[in-house]
Protein backbone atom coordinates (compact mmCIF):
# COMPACT_ATOMS: atom_id res chain seq x y z
CA MET A 1 81.98 140.41 88.83
CA GLU A 2 82.28 140.13 85.06
CA ASN A 3 85.37 141.73 83.56
CA TYR A 4 84.23 144.60 81.36
CA LEU A 5 87.63 146.26 81.05
CA SER A 6 88.05 145.12 77.44
CA ARG A 7 85.40 147.72 76.59
CA ILE A 8 87.69 150.52 77.74
CA THR A 9 90.20 151.56 75.10
CA ILE A 10 93.08 154.01 74.98
CA ASN A 11 93.95 155.25 71.52
CA PRO A 12 96.19 158.30 71.01
CA ASP A 13 94.11 159.25 67.96
CA ILE A 14 90.80 159.37 69.86
CA CYS A 15 90.07 162.00 72.52
CA HIS A 16 93.78 162.79 72.92
CA GLY A 17 94.48 159.30 74.28
CA LYS A 18 92.02 159.51 77.16
CA PRO A 19 90.31 156.23 78.11
CA THR A 20 87.14 155.88 76.05
CA VAL A 21 84.31 153.43 75.57
CA ARG A 22 85.00 151.01 72.71
CA ASN A 23 87.14 153.45 70.71
CA MET A 24 84.17 155.79 70.39
CA ARG A 25 84.39 159.42 71.35
CA TYR A 26 82.82 158.83 74.75
CA PRO A 27 85.49 159.35 77.42
CA VAL A 28 85.20 157.30 80.58
CA GLU A 29 85.45 160.59 82.45
CA MET A 30 82.26 161.86 80.79
CA ILE A 31 80.28 158.75 81.68
CA LEU A 32 81.47 158.95 85.30
CA ASP A 33 80.56 162.65 85.42
CA LEU A 34 77.06 161.86 84.16
CA LEU A 35 76.62 159.15 86.79
CA SER A 36 77.93 161.39 89.56
CA SER A 37 75.52 164.14 88.52
CA GLY A 38 72.67 161.75 89.25
CA MET A 39 71.84 160.41 85.80
CA SER A 40 70.72 156.81 85.73
CA THR A 41 72.10 154.19 83.38
CA GLU A 42 68.83 154.31 81.46
CA GLU A 43 69.01 158.10 81.07
CA ILE A 44 72.57 157.94 79.78
CA ILE A 45 71.65 155.26 77.26
CA ALA A 46 68.63 157.31 76.14
CA ASP A 47 70.86 160.36 75.57
CA TYR A 48 73.71 158.35 74.00
CA PRO A 49 72.17 155.37 72.15
CA ALA A 50 75.57 153.97 71.11
CA ILE A 51 76.39 153.37 74.80
CA GLU A 52 75.38 150.01 76.25
CA LYS A 53 74.72 149.06 79.87
CA GLU A 54 77.92 147.00 79.84
CA ASP A 55 79.89 150.09 78.76
CA ILE A 56 78.70 151.96 81.83
CA GLN A 57 79.64 148.99 84.02
CA ALA A 58 83.06 149.00 82.34
CA CYS A 59 83.54 152.68 83.24
CA LEU A 60 82.70 151.96 86.86
CA GLN A 61 85.02 148.95 86.92
CA PHE A 62 87.81 151.04 85.36
CA ALA A 63 87.36 153.77 87.99
CA SER A 64 87.33 151.19 90.75
CA ARG A 65 90.64 149.79 89.57
CA LEU A 66 92.17 153.26 89.53
CA THR A 67 91.30 153.81 93.19
CA ARG A 68 93.08 150.68 94.42
CA VAL A 69 96.01 152.20 96.24
CA LYS A 70 97.97 150.18 98.78
CA SER A 71 99.71 153.16 100.34
CA ILE A 72 100.24 156.87 99.83
CA ARG A 73 103.60 156.03 98.25
CA ASP A 74 101.72 154.45 95.34
CA VAL A 75 100.07 157.79 94.63
CA VAL A 76 103.13 160.04 94.84
CA ALA A 77 105.68 157.65 93.35
C-alpha cells in the first residue's frame, strides 16, 4: 500500500487543528463521513474538485492507523 499520510496535515490555524487534507479546509472527518454515507470517490471529487483520489485514500489510511489498538489499555491510557 502506498503511503498517503503526507497528504494529511495538522495545522492549528486551519479547522482548529483538526486533521485536514493538504492544509485545505477539508477535514479528514468530513471525507470519512461522506464515504460512510455512501458517496463514492467520484461523487466526492465531483462535489469538491480540489480533492484528489489520493486525498481520499489518505483519509482512509489515516483512519486505519487510528484504529490500530493493541489492547484496551492503549485506548484508556
